[in-house]
């Protein structure tokens, strides 16, 4: 290879060296610089999105703390009222009585609830009312959309404020 290179005219050697240098610069740009620059741009965009999401979450936390502190003390079930009865009464007052298919105890301070063909809006208001007024919170939930718009089947597990 060295003998071949030295057999070239000086002008050809210079062109070959310049061409090799240009090829090296192009390879560096294509294989190193451009992918690195693309990665930095992607990370910048992702960082901006995550910052916006963090700010939204911080506002939501502040709002939740404000709402929780508005009553002065945490809501709880009325004395002598069972979790099952509170769930049933609140469902009926939120016009979910027909959708409420089954309510059963699930250990200490918990209840499993099945609803079919319930209005999603009423369901959300019902859950919110239980949380705010009686300290009953949802521990787990599964929602399945029905073909009719705004209607769902739901399986929920509730826990009273004094539950584990």
Foldseek 3Di string as FASTA:
>chain_A
DVVVLVVDDPVVNVVVVVVVVVVVVVCCCVVPVVVVVVVVVVVVVVVVVVVVVVVVVVVVVVVVVCLCPPVVDFAAADPPDAPQNLLQVLCVVLVQNVQWDDWAADPPQKIKTKGFFGQQVSVVVSQVCCCRHHVKHWPDKDWDDDPPPRTIIMITMIGTNPGD
